[in-house]
PDB file of all heavy atoms in Angstrom:
ATOM      1  N   GLU A   1      12.660 -63.693  -4.190  1.00  0.00           N
ATOM      2  CA  GLU A   1      12.774 -62.328  -3.679  1.00  0.00           C
ATOM      3  C   GLU A   1      13.018 -61.294  -4.774  1.00  0.00           C
ATOM      4  O   GLU A   1      12.668 -60.127  -4.614  1.00  0.00           O
ATOM      5  CB  GLU A   1      13.917 -62.248  -2.649  1.00  0.00           C
ATOM      6  CG  GLU A   1      13.774 -63.186  -1.465  1.00  0.00           C
ATOM      7  CD  GLU A   1      12.684 -62.743  -0.504  1.00  0.00           C
ATOM      8  OE1 GLU A   1      12.308 -61.544  -0.542  1.00  0.00           O
ATOM      9  OE2 GLU A   1      12.189 -63.589   0.276  1.00  0.00           O
ATOM     10  N   HIS A   2      13.637 -61.707  -5.883  1.00  0.00           N
ATOM     11  CA  HIS A   2      14.056 -60.737  -6.903  1.00  0.00           C
ATOM     12  C   HIS A   2      13.422 -60.979  -8.270  1.00  0.00           C
ATOM     13  O   HIS A   2      13.690 -60.225  -9.213  1.00  0.00           O
ATOM     14  CB  HIS A   2      15.582 -60.738  -7.023  1.00  0.00           C
ATOM     15  CG  HIS A   2      16.277 -60.453  -5.724  1.00  0.00           C
ATOM     16  ND1 HIS A   2      16.440 -59.177  -5.218  1.00  0.00           N
ATOM     17  CD2 HIS A   2      16.837 -61.285  -4.804  1.00  0.00           C
ATOM     18  CE1 HIS A   2      17.065 -59.236  -4.054  1.00  0.00           C
ATOM     19  NE2 HIS A   2      17.323 -60.500  -3.778  1.00  0.00           N
ATOM     20  N   GLY A   3      12.614 -62.028  -8.402  1.00  0.00           N
ATOM     21  CA  GLY A   3      11.928 -62.281  -9.665  1.00  0.00           C
ATOM     22  C   GLY A   3      12.820 -62.704 -10.806  1.00  0.00           C
ATOM     23  O   GLY A   3      12.427 -62.624 -11.971  1.00  0.00           O
ATOM     24  N   VAL A   4      14.031 -63.178 -10.492  1.00  0.00           N
ATOM     25  CA  VAL A   4      14.958 -63.642 -11.534  1.00  0.00           C
ATOM     26  C   VAL A   4      14.771 -65.153 -11.667  1.00  0.00           C
ATOM     27  O   VAL A   4      15.313 -65.936 -10.876  1.00  0.00           O
ATOM     28  CB  VAL A   4      16.423 -63.296 -11.185  1.00  0.00           C
ATOM     29  CG1 VAL A   4      17.354 -63.730 -12.320  1.00  0.00           C
ATOM     30  CG2 VAL A   4      16.575 -61.810 -10.902  1.00  0.00           C
ATOM     31  N   ASN A   5      14.003 -65.574 -12.668  1.00  0.00           N
ATOM     32  CA  ASN A   5      13.643 -66.989 -12.808  1.00  0.00           C
ATOM     33  C   ASN A   5      14.479 -67.734 -13.837  1.00  0.00           C
ATOM     34  O   ASN A   5      14.564 -68.962 -13.796  1.00  0.00           O
ATOM     35  CB  ASN A   5      12.165 -67.125 -13.200  1.00  0.00           C
ATOM     36  CG  ASN A   5      11.243 -66.467 -12.200  1.00  0.00           C
ATOM     37  OD1 ASN A   5      11.026 -65.258 -12.273  1.00  0.00           O
ATOM     38  ND2 ASN A   5      10.718 -67.231 -11.266  1.00  0.00           N
ATOM     39  N   ASN A   6      15.085 -66.998 -14.778  1.00  0.00           N
ATOM     40  CA  ASN A   6      15.879 -67.638 -15.831  1.00  0.00           C
ATOM     41  C   ASN A   6      17.274 -67.939 -15.289  1.00  0.00           C
ATOM     42  O   ASN A   6      18.269 -67.298 -15.628  1.00  0.00           O
ATOM     43  CB  ASN A   6      15.945 -66.735 -17.062  1.00  0.00           C
ATOM     44  CG  ASN A   6      16.595 -67.428 -18.248  1.00  0.00           C
ATOM     45  OD1 ASN A   6      16.600 -68.665 -18.340  1.00  0.00           O
ATOM     46  ND2 ASN A   6      17.169 -66.655 -19.155  1.00  0.00           N
ATOM     47  N   VAL A   7      17.312 -68.918 -14.392  1.00  0.00           N
ATOM     48  CA  VAL A   7      18.518 -69.249 -13.624  1.00  0.00           C
ATOM     49  C   VAL A   7      18.826 -70.726 -13.801  1.00  0.00           C
ATOM     50  O   VAL A   7      17.911 -71.558 -13.834  1.00  0.00           O
ATOM     51  CB  VAL A   7      18.325 -68.927 -12.128  1.00  0.00           C
ATOM     52  CG1 VAL A   7      19.544 -69.334 -11.313  1.00  0.00           C
ATOM     53  CG2 VAL A   7      18.016 -67.450 -11.926  1.00  0.00           C
ATOM     54  N   ALA A   8      20.112 -71.040 -13.899  1.00  0.00           N
ATOM     55  CA  ALA A   8      20.549 -72.442 -13.918  1.00  0.00           C
ATOM     56  C   ALA A   8      21.489 -72.697 -12.754  1.00  0.00           C
ATOM     57  O   ALA A   8      22.377 -71.887 -12.470  1.00  0.00           O
ATOM     58  CB  ALA A   8      21.250 -72.772 -15.228  1.00  0.00           C
ATOM     59  N   VAL A   9      21.286 -73.812 -12.072  1.00  0.00           N
ATOM     60  CA  VAL A   9      22.230 -74.298 -11.062  1.00  0.00           C
ATOM     61  C   VAL A   9      22.963 -75.476 -11.682  1.00  0.00           C
ATOM     62  O   VAL A   9      22.345 -76.483 -12.040  1.00  0.00           O
ATOM     63  CB  VAL A   9      21.502 -74.734  -9.773  1.00  0.00           C
ATOM     64  CG1 VAL A   9      22.510 -75.292  -8.770  1.00  0.00           C
ATOM     65  CG2 VAL A   9      20.738 -73.568  -9.166  1.00  0.00           C
ATOM     66  N   ILE A  10      24.278 -75.341 -11.822  1.00  0.00           N
ATOM     67  CA  ILE A  10      25.095 -76.376 -12.465  1.00  0.00           C
ATOM     68  C   ILE A  10      25.870 -77.138 -11.404  1.00  0.00           C
ATOM     69  O   ILE A  10      26.591 -76.534 -10.600  1.00  0.00           O
ATOM     70  CB  ILE A  10      26.067 -75.745 -13.487  1.00  0.00           C
ATOM     71  CG1 ILE A  10      25.285 -75.054 -14.607  1.00  0.00           C
ATOM     72  CG2 ILE A  10      26.992 -76.796 -14.071  1.00  0.00           C
ATOM     73  CD1 ILE A  10      26.178 -74.336 -15.599  1.00  0.00           C
ATOM     74  N   GLU A  11      25.729 -78.436 -11.399  1.00  0.00           N
ATOM     75  CA  GLU A  11      26.379 -79.288 -10.403  1.00  0.00           C
ATOM     76  C   GLU A  11      27.142 -80.401 -11.120  1.00  0.00           C
ATOM     77  O   GLU A  11      26.582 -81.112 -11.944  1.00  0.00           O
ATOM     78  CB  GLU A  11      25.329 -79.875  -9.461  1.00  0.00           C
ATOM     79  CG  GLU A  11      25.806 -80.997  -8.548  1.00  0.00           C
ATOM     80  CD  GLU A  11      26.999 -80.608  -7.692  1.00  0.00           C
ATOM     81  OE1 GLU A  11      26.978 -79.516  -7.105  1.00  0.00           O
ATOM     82  OE2 GLU A  11      27.961 -81.399  -7.628  1.00  0.00           O
ATOM     83  N   LYS A  12      28.435 -80.550 -10.788  1.00  0.00           N
ATOM     84  CA  LYS A  12      29.249 -81.553 -11.492  1.00  0.00           C
ATOM     85  C   LYS A  12      28.913 -82.985 -11.079  1.00  0.00           C
ATOM     86  O   LYS A  12      29.142 -83.926 -11.834  1.00  0.00           O
ATOM     87  CB  LYS A  12      30.738 -81.291 -11.276  1.00  0.00           C
ATOM     88  CG  LYS A  12      31.267 -81.614  -9.893  1.00  0.00           C
ATOM     89  CD  LYS A  12      32.779 -81.472  -9.850  1.00  0.00           C
ATOM     90  CE  LYS A  12      33.342 -81.856  -8.486  1.00  0.00           C
ATOM     91  NZ  LYS A  12      34.817 -81.745  -8.457  1.00  0.00           N
ATOM     92  N   GLY A  13      28.372 -83.155  -9.886  1.00  0.00           N
ATOM     93  CA  GLY A  13      27.987 -84.484  -9.420  1.00  0.00           C
ATOM     94  C   GLY A  13      26.488 -84.572  -9.260  1.00  0.00           C
ATOM     95  O   GLY A  13      25.739 -84.383 -10.205  1.00  0.00           O
ATOM     96  N   TRP A  14      26.067 -84.866  -8.018  1.00  0.00           N
ATOM     97  CA  TRP A  14      24.637 -84.911  -7.741  1.00  0.00           C
ATOM     98  C   TRP A  14      24.305 -83.846  -6.695  1.00  0.00           C
ATOM     99  O   TRP A  14      25.154 -83.426  -5.911  1.00  0.00           O
ATOM    100  CB  TRP A  14      24.210 -86.295  -7.264  1.00  0.00           C
ATOM    101  CG  TRP A  14      24.835 -86.741  -5.984  1.00  0.00           C
ATOM    102  CD1 TRP A  14      24.322 -86.590  -4.737  1.00  0.00           C
ATOM    103  CD2 TRP A  14      26.099 -87.402  -5.813  1.00  0.00           C
ATOM    104  NE1 TRP A  14      25.175 -87.108  -3.790  1.00  0.00           N
ATOM    105  CE2 TRP A  14      26.278 -87.619  -4.432  1.00  0.00           C
ATOM    106  CE3 TRP A  14      27.097 -87.832  -6.693  1.00  0.00           C
ATOM    107  CZ2 TRP A  14      27.412 -88.234  -3.915  1.00  0.00           C
ATOM    108  CZ3 TRP A  14      28.216 -88.447  -6.173  1.00  0.00           C
ATOM    109  CH2 TRP A  14      28.370 -88.649  -4.800  1.00  0.00           C
ATOM    110  N   LEU A  15      23.079 -83.431  -6.720  1.00  0.00           N
ATOM    111  CA  LEU A  15      22.605 -82.353  -5.866  1.00  0.00           C
ATOM    112  C   LEU A  15      22.860 -82.660  -4.389  1.00  0.00           C
ATOM    113  O   LEU A  15      22.513 -83.731  -3.900  1.00  0.00           O
ATOM    114  CB  LEU A  15      21.113 -82.170  -6.142  1.00  0.00           C
ATOM    115  CG  LEU A  15      20.333 -81.043  -5.501  1.00  0.00           C
ATOM    116  CD1 LEU A  15      19.163 -80.682  -6.388  1.00  0.00           C
ATOM    117  CD2 LEU A  15      19.828 -81.467  -4.131  1.00  0.00           C
ATOM    118  N   GLY A  16      23.502 -81.731  -3.691  1.00  0.00           N
ATOM    119  CA  GLY A  16      23.780 -81.913  -2.269  1.00  0.00           C
ATOM    120  C   GLY A  16      24.786 -82.996  -1.972  1.00  0.00           C
ATOM    121  O   GLY A  16      24.856 -83.478  -0.840  1.00  0.00           O
ATOM    122  N   GLY A  17      25.612 -83.379  -2.964  1.00  0.00           N
ATOM    123  CA  GLY A  17      26.539 -84.488  -2.767  1.00  0.00           C
ATOM    124  C   GLY A  17      27.901 -84.096  -2.228  1.00  0.00           C
ATOM    125  O   GLY A  17      28.745 -84.955  -2.011  1.00  0.00           O
ATOM    126  N   GLY A  18      28.125 -82.806  -2.013  1.00  0.00           N
ATOM    127  CA  GLY A  18      29.401 -82.349  -1.476  1.00  0.00           C
ATOM    128  C   GLY A  18      29.326 -82.175   0.029  1.00  0.00           C
ATOM    129  O   GLY A  18      28.865 -83.061   0.757  1.00  0.00           O
ATOM    130  N   ASN A  19      29.732 -80.992   0.500  1.00  0.00           N
ATOM    131  CA  ASN A  19      29.747 -80.746   1.939  1.00  0.00           C
ATOM    132  C   ASN A  19      28.337 -80.717   2.544  1.00  0.00           C
ATOM    133  O   ASN A  19      28.166 -81.020   3.729  1.00  0.00           O
ATOM    134  CB  ASN A  19      30.454 -79.424   2.240  1.00  0.00           C
ATOM    135  CG  ASN A  19      31.937 -79.501   1.949  1.00  0.00           C
ATOM    136  OD1 ASN A  19      32.479 -80.582   1.753  1.00  0.00           O
ATOM    137  ND2 ASN A  19      32.603 -78.369   1.908  1.00  0.00           N
ATOM    138  N   THR A  20      27.341 -80.362   1.749  1.00  0.00           N
ATOM    139  CA  THR A  20      25.969 -80.331   2.266  1.00  0.00           C
ATOM    140  C   THR A  20      25.557 -81.701   2.797  1.00  0.00           C
ATOM    141  O   THR A  20      24.887 -81.807   3.823  1.00  0.00           O
ATOM    142  CB  THR A  20      24.987 -79.877   1.165  1.00  0.00           C
ATOM    143  OG1 THR A  20      25.315 -78.542   0.778  1.00  0.00           O
ATOM    144  CG2 THR A  20      23.547 -79.919   1.654  1.00  0.00           C
ATOM    145  N   GLY A  21      25.952 -82.756   2.118  1.00  0.00           N
ATOM    146  CA  GLY A  21      25.599 -84.105   2.547  1.00  0.00           C
ATOM    147  C   GLY A  21      26.587 -84.724   3.513  1.00  0.00           C
ATOM    148  O   GLY A  21      26.435 -85.890   3.888  1.00  0.00           O
ATOM    149  N   ARG A  22      27.594 -83.945   3.957  1.00  0.00           N
ATOM    150  CA  ARG A  22      28.663 -84.521   4.775  1.00  0.00           C
ATOM    151  C   ARG A  22      28.858 -83.809   6.110  1.00  0.00           C
ATOM    152  O   ARG A  22      29.770 -84.145   6.860  1.00  0.00           O
ATOM    153  CB  ARG A  22      29.994 -84.466   3.997  1.00  0.00           C
ATOM    154  CG  ARG A  22      29.981 -85.274   2.715  1.00  0.00           C
ATOM    155  CD  ARG A  22      31.159 -84.917   1.813  1.00  0.00           C
ATOM    156  NE  ARG A  22      31.028 -85.583   0.523  1.00  0.00           N
ATOM    157  CZ  ARG A  22      31.544 -86.755   0.219  1.00  0.00           C
ATOM    158  NH1 ARG A  22      32.269 -87.391   1.116  1.00  0.00           N
ATOM    159  NH2 ARG A  22      31.365 -87.300  -0.958  1.00  0.00           N
ATOM    160  N   ASN A  23      28.050 -82.808   6.397  1.00  0.00           N
ATOM    161  CA  ASN A  23      28.299 -82.019   7.606  1.00  0.00           C
ATOM    162  C   ASN A  23      27.580 -82.608   8.817  1.00  0.00           C
ATOM    163  O   ASN A  23      26.829 -83.576   8.704  1.00  0.00           O
ATOM    164  CB  ASN A  23      27.886 -80.564   7.375  1.00  0.00           C
ATOM    165  CG  ASN A  23      26.395 -80.413   7.238  1.00  0.00           C
ATOM    166  OD1 ASN A  23      25.684 -80.364   8.225  1.00  0.00           O
ATOM    167  ND2 ASN A  23      25.913 -80.366   6.009  1.00  0.00           N
ATOM    168  N   THR A  24      27.800 -81.975   9.970  1.00  0.00           N
ATOM    169  CA  THR A  24      27.252 -82.502  11.219  1.00  0.00           C
ATOM    170  C   THR A  24      25.995 -81.757  11.667  1.00  0.00           C
ATOM    171  O   THR A  24      25.583 -81.890  12.810  1.00  0.00           O
ATOM    172  CB  THR A  24      28.314 -82.462  12.335  1.00  0.00           C
ATOM    173  OG1 THR A  24      28.904 -81.163  12.379  1.00  0.00           O
ATOM    174  CG2 THR A  24      29.404 -83.484  12.068  1.00  0.00           C
ATOM    175  N   THR A  25      25.404 -80.969  10.790  1.00  0.00           N
ATOM    176  CA  THR A  25      24.029 -80.428  10.888  1.00  0.00           C
ATOM    177  C   THR A  25      23.800 -79.424  12.011  1.00  0.00           C
ATOM    178  O   THR A  25      22.658 -79.142  12.362  1.00  0.00           O
ATOM    179  CB  THR A  25      22.981 -81.559  11.007  1.00  0.00           C
ATOM    180  OG1 THR A  25      22.989 -82.106  12.322  1.00  0.00           O
ATOM    181  CG2 THR A  25      23.218 -82.654   9.985  1.00  0.00           C
ATOM    182  N   ILE A  26      24.846 -78.850  12.587  1.00  0.00           N
ATOM    183  CA  ILE A  26      24.669 -77.924  13.710  1.00  0.00           C
ATOM    184  C   ILE A  26      24.300 -76.529  13.205  1.00  0.00           C
ATOM    185  O   ILE A  26      24.834 -76.058  12.210  1.00  0.00           O
ATOM    186  CB  ILE A  26      25.950 -77.859  14.568  1.00  0.00           C
ATOM    187  CG1 ILE A  26      26.251 -79.235  15.171  1.00  0.00           C
ATOM    188  CG2 ILE A  26      25.831 -76.808  15.676  1.00  0.00           C
ATOM    189  CD1 ILE A  26      27.616 -79.334  15.807  1.00  0.00           C
ATOM    190  N   ILE A  27      23.379 -75.878  13.930  1.00  0.00           N
ATOM    191  CA  ILE A  27      22.930 -74.524  13.612  1.00  0.00           C
ATOM    192  C   ILE A  27      23.089 -73.658  14.860  1.00  0.00           C
ATOM    193  O   ILE A  27      22.645 -74.043  15.946  1.00  0.00           O
ATOM    194  CB  ILE A  27      21.454 -74.522  13.164  1.00  0.00           C
ATOM    195  CG1 ILE A  27      21.293 -75.312  11.865  1.00  0.00           C
ATOM    196  CG2 ILE A  27      20.943 -73.104  12.988  1.00  0.00           C
ATOM    197  CD1 ILE A  27      19.849 -75.599  11.535  1.00  0.00           C
ATOM    198  N   ARG A  28      23.720 -72.511  14.702  1.00  0.00           N
ATOM    199  CA  ARG A  28      23.824 -71.546  15.804  1.00  0.00           C
ATOM    200  C   ARG A  28      24.182 -70.184  15.220  1.00  0.00           C
ATOM    201  O   ARG A  28      24.565 -70.084  14.045  1.00  0.00           O
ATOM    202  CB  ARG A  28      24.881 -71.980  16.829  1.00  0.00           C
ATOM    203  CG  ARG A  28      26.300 -72.066  16.293  1.00  0.00           C
ATOM    204  CD  ARG A  28      27.266 -72.640  17.327  1.00  0.00           C
ATOM    205  NE  ARG A  28      28.629 -72.739  16.807  1.00  0.00           N
ATOM    206  CZ  ARG A  28      29.565 -71.803  16.948  1.00  0.00           C
ATOM    207  NH1 ARG A  28      29.289 -70.675  17.595  1.00  0.00           N
ATOM    208  NH2 ARG A  28      30.781 -71.970  16.462  1.00  0.00           N
ATOM    209  N   SER A  29      24.089 -69.135  16.046  1.00  0.00           N
ATOM    210  CA  SER A  29      24.446 -67.797  15.577  1.00  0.00           C
ATOM    211  C   SER A  29      25.239 -67.021  16.613  1.00  0.00           C
ATOM    212  O   SER A  29      25.380 -65.803  16.502  1.00  0.00           O
ATOM    213  CB  SER A  29      23.175 -67.014  15.214  1.00  0.00           C
ATOM    214  OG  SER A  29      22.364 -66.800  16.352  1.00  0.00           O
ATOM    215  N   ASN A  30      25.760 -67.702  17.643  1.00  0.00           N
ATOM    216  CA  ASN A  30      26.433 -67.011  18.750  1.00  0.00           C
ATOM    217  C   ASN A  30      27.901 -66.729  18.436  1.00  0.00           C
ATOM    218  O   ASN A  30      28.813 -67.209  19.107  1.00  0.00           O
ATOM    219  CB  ASN A  30      26.287 -67.810  20.051  1.00  0.00           C
ATOM    220  CG  ASN A  30      26.788 -69.242  19.934  1.00  0.00           C
ATOM    221  OD1 ASN A  30      27.002 -69.756  18.838  1.00  0.00           O
ATOM    222  ND2 ASN A  30      26.988 -69.889  21.073  1.00  0.00           N
ATOM    223  N   TYR A  31      28.130 -65.890  17.425  1.00  0.00           N
ATOM    224  CA  TYR A  31      29.481 -65.484  17.034  1.00  0.00           C
ATOM    225  C   TYR A  31      29.832 -64.150  17.671  1.00  0.00           C
ATOM    226  O   TYR A  31      28.954 -63.348  17.998  1.00  0.00           O
ATOM    227  CB  TYR A  31      29.575 -65.391  15.508  1.00  0.00           C
ATOM    228  CG  TYR A  31      29.685 -66.755  14.857  1.00  0.00           C
ATOM    229  CD1 TYR A  31      28.559 -67.557  14.699  1.00  0.00           C
ATOM    230  CD2 TYR A  31      30.909 -67.253  14.438  1.00  0.00           C
ATOM    231  CE1 TYR A  31      28.659 -68.811  14.128  1.00  0.00           C
ATOM    232  CE2 TYR A  31      31.015 -68.499  13.866  1.00  0.00           C
ATOM    233  CZ  TYR A  31      29.889 -69.278  13.717  1.00  0.00           C
ATOM    234  OH  TYR A  31      29.998 -70.528  13.155  1.00  0.00           O
ATOM    235  N   LEU A  32      31.125 -63.888  17.828  1.00  0.00           N
ATOM    236  CA  LEU A  32      31.564 -62.704  18.565  1.00  0.00           C
ATOM    237  C   LEU A  32      31.398 -61.420  17.768  1.00  0.00           C
ATOM    238  O   LEU A  32      30.766 -60.474  18.209  1.00  0.00           O
ATOM    239  CB  LEU A  32      33.023 -62.869  18.992  1.00  0.00           C
ATOM    240  CG  LEU A  32      33.622 -61.648  19.705  1.00  0.00           C
ATOM    241  CD1 LEU A  32      32.947 -61.431  21.046  1.00  0.00           C
ATOM    242  CD2 LEU A  32      35.126 -61.793  19.892  1.00  0.00           C
ATOM    243  N   TRP A  33      31.979 -61.370  16.572  1.00  0.00           N
ATOM    244  CA  TRP A  33      32.022 -60.102  15.842  1.00  0.00           C
ATOM    245  C   TRP A  33      30.661 -59.755  15.262  1.00  0.00           C
ATOM    246  O   TRP A  33      29.890 -60.629  14.852  1.00  0.00           O
ATOM    247  CB  TRP A  33      33.075 -60.158  14.734  1.00  0.00           C
ATOM    248  CG  TRP A  33      34.460 -60.428  15.241  1.00  0.00           C
ATOM    249  CD1 TRP A  33      35.271 -61.451  14.890  1.00  0.00           C
ATOM    250  CD2 TRP A  33      35.188 -59.672  16.223  1.00  0.00           C
ATOM    251  NE1 TRP A  33      36.461 -61.399  15.578  1.00  0.00           N
ATOM    252  CE2 TRP A  33      36.434 -60.317  16.400  1.00  0.00           C
ATOM    253  CE3 TRP A  33      34.914 -58.526  16.967  1.00  0.00           C
ATOM    254  CZ2 TRP A  33      37.395 -59.832  17.288  1.00  0.00           C
ATOM    255  CZ3 TRP A  33      35.879 -58.050  17.855  1.00  0.00           C
ATOM    256  CH2 TRP A  33      37.097 -58.706  18.005  1.00  0.00           C
ATOM    257  N   ASP A  34      30.376 -58.457  15.215  1.00  0.00           N
ATOM    258  CA  ASP A  34      29.068 -57.979  14.751  1.00  0.00           C
ATOM    259  C   ASP A  34      28.743 -58.483  13.357  1.00  0.00           C
ATOM    260  O   ASP A  34      27.602 -58.870  13.070  1.00  0.00           O
ATOM    261  CB  ASP A  34      29.028 -56.447  14.757  1.00  0.00           C
ATOM    262  CG  ASP A  34      29.145 -55.854  16.156  1.00  0.00           C
ATOM    263  OD1 ASP A  34      29.018 -56.625  17.130  1.00  0.00           O
ATOM    264  OD2 ASP A  34      29.356 -54.634  16.278  1.00  0.00           O
ATOM    265  N   GLU A  35      29.737 -58.474  12.462  1.00  0.00           N
ATOM    266  CA  GLU A  35      29.503 -58.879  11.080  1.00  0.00           C
ATOM    267  C   GLU A  35      29.095 -60.351  11.005  1.00  0.00           C
ATOM    268  O   GLU A  35      28.155 -60.718  10.292  1.00  0.00           O
ATOM    269  CB  GLU A  35      30.761 -58.640  10.234  1.00  0.00           C
ATOM    270  CG  GLU A  35      31.191 -57.187  10.137  1.00  0.00           C
ATOM    271  CD  GLU A  35      32.107 -56.755  11.276  1.00  0.00           C
ATOM    272  OE1 GLU A  35      32.255 -57.522  12.257  1.00  0.00           O
ATOM    273  OE2 GLU A  35      32.677 -55.650  11.194  1.00  0.00           O
ATOM    274  N   SER A  36      29.802 -61.204  11.749  1.00  0.00           N
ATOM    275  CA  SER A  36      29.480 -62.632  11.763  1.00  0.00           C
ATOM    276  C   SER A  36      28.120 -62.865  12.405  1.00  0.00           C
ATOM    277  O   SER A  36      27.284 -63.623  11.881  1.00  0.00           O
ATOM    278  CB  SER A  36      30.544 -63.411  12.532  1.00  0.00           C
ATOM    279  OG  SER A  36      31.822 -63.227  11.969  1.00  0.00           O
ATOM    280  N   ALA A  37      27.896 -62.220  13.535  1.00  0.00           N
ATOM    281  CA  ALA A  37      26.627 -62.396  14.237  1.00  0.00           C
ATOM    282  C   ALA A  37      25.451 -61.993  13.357  1.00  0.00           C
ATOM    283  O   ALA A  37      24.405 -62.640  13.357  1.00  0.00           O
ATOM    284  CB  ALA A  37      26.629 -61.577  15.528  1.00  0.00           C
ATOM    285  N   GLY A  38      25.633 -60.935  12.568  1.00  0.00           N
ATOM    286  CA  GLY A  38      24.549 -60.448  11.714  1.00  0.00           C
ATOM    287  C   GLY A  38      24.105 -61.465  10.690  1.00  0.00           C
ATOM    288  O   GLY A  38      22.908 -61.766  10.558  1.00  0.00           O
ATOM    289  N   ILE A  39      25.065 -62.043   9.966  1.00  0.00           N
ATOM    290  CA  ILE A  39      24.692 -62.967   8.886  1.00  0.00           C
ATOM    291  C   ILE A  39      24.246 -64.320   9.438  1.00  0.00           C
ATOM    292  O   ILE A  39      23.308 -64.938   8.910  1.00  0.00           O
ATOM    293  CB  ILE A  39      25.846 -63.111   7.865  1.00  0.00           C
ATOM    294  CG1 ILE A  39      25.316 -63.764   6.581  1.00  0.00           C
ATOM    295  CG2 ILE A  39      27.031 -63.882   8.434  1.00  0.00           C
ATOM    296  CD1 ILE A  39      26.257 -63.636   5.405  1.00  0.00           C
ATOM    297  N   TYR A  40      24.874 -64.782  10.521  1.00  0.00           N
ATOM    298  CA  TYR A  40      24.455 -66.066  11.095  1.00  0.00           C
ATOM    299  C   TYR A  40      23.095 -65.953  11.785  1.00  0.00           C
ATOM    300  O   TYR A  40      22.305 -66.901  11.766  1.00  0.00           O
ATOM    301  CB  TYR A  40      25.511 -66.586  12.072  1.00  0.00           C
ATOM    302  CG  TYR A  40      26.691 -67.237  11.395  1.00  0.00           C
ATOM    303  CD1 TYR A  40      27.932 -66.596  11.319  1.00  0.00           C
ATOM    304  CD2 TYR A  40      26.586 -68.500  10.823  1.00  0.00           C
ATOM    305  CE1 TYR A  40      29.018 -67.195  10.697  1.00  0.00           C
ATOM    306  CE2 TYR A  40      27.665 -69.101  10.203  1.00  0.00           C
ATOM    307  CZ  TYR A  40      28.879 -68.440  10.140  1.00  0.00           C
ATOM    308  OH  TYR A  40      29.948 -69.035   9.523  1.00  0.00           O
ATOM    309  N   GLU A  41      22.805 -64.804  12.396  1.00  0.00           N
ATOM    310  CA  GLU A  41      21.494 -64.622  13.019  1.00  0.00           C
ATOM    311  C   GLU A  41      20.399 -64.536  11.954  1.00  0.00           C
ATOM    312  O   GLU A  41      19.304 -65.083  12.123  1.00  0.00           O
ATOM    313  CB  GLU A  41      21.499 -63.368  13.896  1.00  0.00           C
ATOM    314  CG  GLU A  41      20.165 -63.043  14.548  1.00  0.00           C
ATOM    315  CD  GLU A  41      19.648 -64.118  15.501  1.00  0.00           C
ATOM    316  OE1 GLU A  41      20.441 -64.988  15.923  1.00  0.00           O
ATOM    317  OE2 GLU A  41      18.441 -64.094  15.821  1.00  0.00           O
ATOM    318  N   LYS A  42      20.686 -63.863  10.833  1.00  0.00           N
ATOM    319  CA  LYS A  42      19.726 -63.832   9.728  1.00  0.00           C
ATOM    320  C   LYS A  42      19.445 -65.250   9.242  1.00  0.00           C
ATOM    321  O   LYS A  42      18.297 -65.621   8.965  1.00  0.00           O
ATOM    322  CB  LYS A  42      20.284 -62.984   8.582  1.00  0.00           C
ATOM    323  CG  LYS A  42      19.425 -62.982   7.310  1.00  0.00           C
ATOM    324  CD  LYS A  42      18.067 -62.345   7.550  1.00  0.00           C
ATOM    325  CE  LYS A  42      17.234 -62.317   6.285  1.00  0.00           C
ATOM    326  NZ  LYS A  42      15.883 -61.734   6.518  1.00  0.00           N
ATOM    327  N   SER A  43      20.498 -66.050   9.165  1.00  0.00           N
ATOM    328  CA  SER A  43      20.340 -67.434   8.728  1.00  0.00           C
ATOM    329  C   SER A  43      19.487 -68.231   9.706  1.00  0.00           C
ATOM    330  O   SER A  43      18.592 -68.984   9.300  1.00  0.00           O
ATOM    331  CB  SER A  43      21.714 -68.086   8.578  1.00  0.00           C
ATOM    332  OG  SER A  43      21.610 -69.349   7.988  1.00  0.00           O
ATOM    333  N   LEU A  44      19.737 -68.062  10.999  1.00  0.00           N
ATOM    334  CA  LEU A  44      18.955 -68.788  12.005  1.00  0.00           C
ATOM    335  C   LEU A  44      17.485 -68.376  11.949  1.00  0.00           C
ATOM    336  O   LEU A  44      16.582 -69.218  12.067  1.00  0.00           O
ATOM    337  CB  LEU A  44      19.543 -68.541  13.400  1.00  0.00           C
ATOM    338  CG  LEU A  44      18.863 -69.238  14.578  1.00  0.00           C
ATOM    339  CD1 LEU A  44      18.725 -70.734  14.353  1.00  0.00           C
ATOM    340  CD2 LEU A  44      19.624 -68.965  15.876  1.00  0.00           C
ATOM    341  N   GLN A  45      17.236 -67.092  11.754  1.00  0.00           N
ATOM    342  CA  GLN A  45      15.849 -66.631  11.634  1.00  0.00           C
ATOM    343  C   GLN A  45      15.165 -67.254  10.419  1.00  0.00           C
ATOM    344  O   GLN A  45      13.997 -67.638  10.484  1.00  0.00           O
ATOM    345  CB  GLN A  45      15.825 -65.105  11.541  1.00  0.00           C
ATOM    346  CG  GLN A  45      16.204 -64.399  12.828  1.00  0.00           C
ATOM    347  CD  GLN A  45      16.397 -62.907  12.640  1.00  0.00           C
ATOM    348  OE1 GLN A  45      16.184 -62.360  11.557  1.00  0.00           O
ATOM    349  NE2 GLN A  45      16.812 -62.227  13.700  1.00  0.00           N
TER     350      GLN A  45
END
């Protein structure tokens, strides 16, 4: 989106080995407050 390609992602273990590989995979956006609903709905889209 921004054309910034000279980027490094540094990971102390292995890729996706933390919470990403340990969660229960649920996706939703039905949060009460406008601020929460906005970012979670963008994510769902």
